[in-house]
Amino acid sequence: MTPDDRASPALVKPAVREVSRTLLIVLLSHDRRTILLERRPGQTVWWPLRVNVPPHHSYARAVHRWQRLWGRRSALRRSSVTGRLSTGTASGRSDYLVVILKLSREEAPEAFSHFGRWRPITEVDPASAFPQELGTLMAGYVEGWIPDGSITLDA
């Protein structure tokens, strides 16, 4: 192989970018004032509950599985509003789907407290939340100014 052959586009392998898919579950309290967020040890950012979605699974299947495993303690209703977000680097991309699950009973929040902390929607700071638009998304959903359907949260 000559130096000219090595530079040929036909012989250069494209870079493989890894794609991870994560479901972000936002639990909304019965009174629609607080959401459940988690912050893992050593982190400063508050996240909704995270569920890794395998390549061969759909987001809908991941939501159903999570509800079957954890949601049976209380009645949860899925919102018609979802958020989509992608972040990327040279080595890969992360796709996120934000799903809102509403607790339909008043006593239900205690059943999920082991996952994280209930935070008032009005106190969700963009500088310390992921996605940064989480507070705005939730305020818009609760106040009714975000329409049903999928909302893009990409900056």
Protein backbone atom coordinates (compact mmCIF):
# COMPACT_ATOMS: atom_id res chain seq x y z
CA MET A 1 0.00 0.00 0.00
CA THR A 2 1.38 3.39 -0.96
CA PRO A 3 0.98 6.59 1.08
CA ASP A 4 -1.56 7.78 -1.51
CA ASP A 5 -3.66 4.61 -0.99
CA ARG A 6 -3.87 5.20 2.77
CA ALA A 7 -5.36 8.62 2.24
CA SER A 8 -8.02 7.32 -0.14
CA PRO A 9 -11.55 7.98 1.22
CA ALA A 10 -12.61 4.46 0.27
CA LEU A 11 -10.08 2.99 2.71
CA VAL A 12 -10.81 5.27 5.69
CA LYS A 13 -13.21 3.76 8.20
CA PRO A 14 -15.87 6.16 9.45
CA ALA A 15 -15.70 6.97 13.16
CA VAL A 16 -18.25 4.96 15.14
CA ARG A 17 -20.29 7.17 17.40
CA GLU A 18 -21.94 5.48 20.30
CA VAL A 19 -25.57 6.39 21.02
CA SER A 20 -27.03 6.00 24.49
CA ARG A 21 -30.75 6.36 25.15
CA THR A 22 -32.10 7.38 28.52
CA LEU A 23 -35.65 7.76 29.74
CA LEU A 24 -36.07 10.61 32.23
CA ILE A 25 -39.14 10.03 34.39
CA VAL A 26 -40.53 13.13 36.07
CA LEU A 27 -42.89 12.18 38.89
CA LEU A 28 -45.39 14.99 39.48
CA SER A 29 -47.14 15.16 42.86
CA HIS A 30 -50.91 14.90 43.18
CA ASP A 31 -51.18 18.65 43.90
CA ARG A 32 -49.02 19.41 40.80
CA ARG A 33 -46.60 21.56 42.85
CA THR A 34 -43.58 19.31 43.31
CA ILE A 35 -41.50 16.88 41.25
CA LEU A 36 -39.20 14.09 42.36
CA LEU A 37 -35.54 14.67 41.52
CA GLU A 38 -32.39 12.76 42.39
CA ARG A 39 -28.81 13.84 42.88
CA ARG A 40 -26.26 11.08 42.99
CA PRO A 41 -23.35 11.22 45.47
CA GLY A 42 -20.66 13.64 44.36
CA GLN A 43 -22.90 15.35 41.81
CA THR A 44 -24.32 18.87 41.94
CA VAL A 45 -27.00 18.48 39.28
CA TRP A 46 -30.56 17.34 40.04
CA TRP A 47 -32.03 14.84 37.55
CA PRO A 48 -35.40 13.22 37.00
CA LEU A 49 -35.34 9.46 37.55
CA ARG A 50 -33.06 7.87 34.94
CA VAL A 51 -33.73 4.62 33.12
CA ASN A 52 -31.28 3.33 30.50
CA VAL A 53 -33.11 2.12 27.40
CA PRO A 54 -31.46 -0.84 25.62
CA PRO A 55 -31.08 -0.51 21.83
CA HIS A 56 -33.73 -3.14 21.13
CA HIS A 57 -36.36 -1.53 23.42
CA SER A 58 -38.68 1.37 22.72
CA TYR A 59 -39.14 4.27 25.13
CA ALA A 60 -42.78 3.17 25.55
CA ARG A 61 -41.61 -0.29 26.64
CA ALA A 62 -39.17 1.26 29.12
CA VAL A 63 -41.95 3.42 30.65
CA HIS A 64 -44.26 0.42 30.90
CA ARG A 65 -41.55 -1.71 32.51
CA TRP A 66 -40.69 1.01 35.05
CA GLN A 67 -44.35 1.48 35.95
CA ARG A 68 -44.79 -2.28 36.33
CA LEU A 69 -41.72 -2.55 38.61
CA TRP A 70 -42.09 0.62 40.68
CA GLY A 71 -45.37 2.31 39.91
CA ARG A 72 -47.74 -0.32 41.23
CA ARG A 73 -47.50 1.15 44.72
CA SER A 74 -49.61 4.06 43.61
CA ALA A 75 -51.72 5.05 40.68
CA LEU A 76 -49.64 6.85 38.05
CA ARG A 77 -51.03 8.47 34.93
CA ARG A 78 -48.83 9.32 31.96
CA SER A 79 -49.00 12.86 30.66
CA SER A 80 -49.52 13.60 26.99
CA VAL A 81 -46.54 16.01 27.09
CA THR A 82 -43.02 14.67 26.50
CA GLY A 83 -39.68 16.37 26.04
CA ARG A 84 -36.88 15.27 23.72
CA LEU A 85 -33.23 16.21 24.10
CA SER A 86 -29.95 15.14 22.48
CA THR A 87 -26.45 15.93 23.64
CA GLY A 88 -23.29 14.94 21.87
CA THR A 89 -19.53 14.84 21.80
CA ALA A 90 -17.07 13.62 19.21
CA SER A 91 -17.26 10.10 20.66
CA GLY A 92 -21.00 9.71 20.97
CA ARG A 93 -24.49 11.01 21.42
CA SER A 94 -27.00 10.75 24.25
CA ASP A 95 -30.71 10.89 23.48
CA TYR A 96 -33.19 11.59 26.27
CA LEU A 97 -36.96 11.34 26.45
CA VAL A 98 -38.62 13.19 29.32
CA VAL A 99 -41.89 11.58 30.41
CA ILE A 100 -44.21 13.06 33.04
CA LEU A 101 -46.02 10.61 35.31
CA LYS A 102 -48.67 12.16 37.54
CA LEU A 103 -49.48 10.68 40.92
CA SER A 104 -53.24 10.37 41.19
CA ARG A 105 -53.45 9.91 44.94
CA GLU A 106 -52.41 12.27 47.69
CA GLU A 107 -50.57 9.69 49.80
CA ALA A 108 -48.43 8.41 46.94
CA PRO A 109 -45.38 10.75 47.21
CA GLU A 110 -44.02 8.92 50.26
CA ALA A 111 -43.92 5.69 48.25
CA PHE A 112 -41.23 7.19 46.01
CA SER A 113 -39.15 9.18 48.50
CA HIS A 114 -36.36 6.58 48.47
CA PHE A 115 -35.60 7.60 44.86
CA GLY A 116 -34.80 11.22 45.64
CA ARG A 117 -36.27 14.44 46.97
CA TRP A 118 -39.52 16.22 46.19
CA ARG A 119 -38.70 19.73 44.97
CA PRO A 120 -41.15 22.56 44.26
CA ILE A 121 -41.36 23.22 40.52
CA THR A 122 -40.84 26.93 41.19
CA GLU A 123 -37.45 26.17 42.78
CA VAL A 124 -35.99 24.08 39.94
CA ASP A 125 -32.93 26.12 38.98
CA PRO A 126 -31.73 25.74 35.36
CA ALA A 127 -28.11 25.95 36.55
CA SER A 128 -28.50 22.87 38.76
CA ALA A 129 -31.00 20.72 36.82
CA PHE A 130 -30.80 18.41 33.84
CA PRO A 131 -32.18 19.15 31.42
CA GLN A 132 -31.82 22.86 32.08
CA GLU A 133 -35.30 23.45 30.62
CA LEU A 134 -36.92 21.07 33.14
CA GLY A 135 -38.39 23.81 35.33
CA THR A 136 -39.84 25.66 32.34
CA LEU A 137 -41.23 22.42 30.86
CA MET A 138 -42.96 21.53 34.10
CA ALA A 139 -44.28 25.05 34.74
CA GLY A 140 -45.67 25.15 31.20
CA TYR A 141 -47.27 21.75 31.61
CA VAL A 142 -48.86 22.53 34.99
CA GLU A 143 -50.02 26.02 33.91
CA GLY A 144 -51.34 24.69 30.60
CA TRP A 145 -49.35 26.78 28.13
CA ILE A 146 -47.38 23.86 26.66
CA PRO A 147 -49.50 21.91 24.17
CA ASP A 148 -49.89 18.14 24.24
CA GLY A 149 -47.28 16.22 22.30
CA SER A 150 -43.51 16.14 22.02
CA ILE A 151 -41.45 19.24 22.85
CA THR A 152 -37.84 19.61 21.68
CA LEU A 153 -35.58 20.76 24.52
CA ASP A 154 -32.37 21.01 22.47
CA ALA A 155 -30.59 24.31 22.85
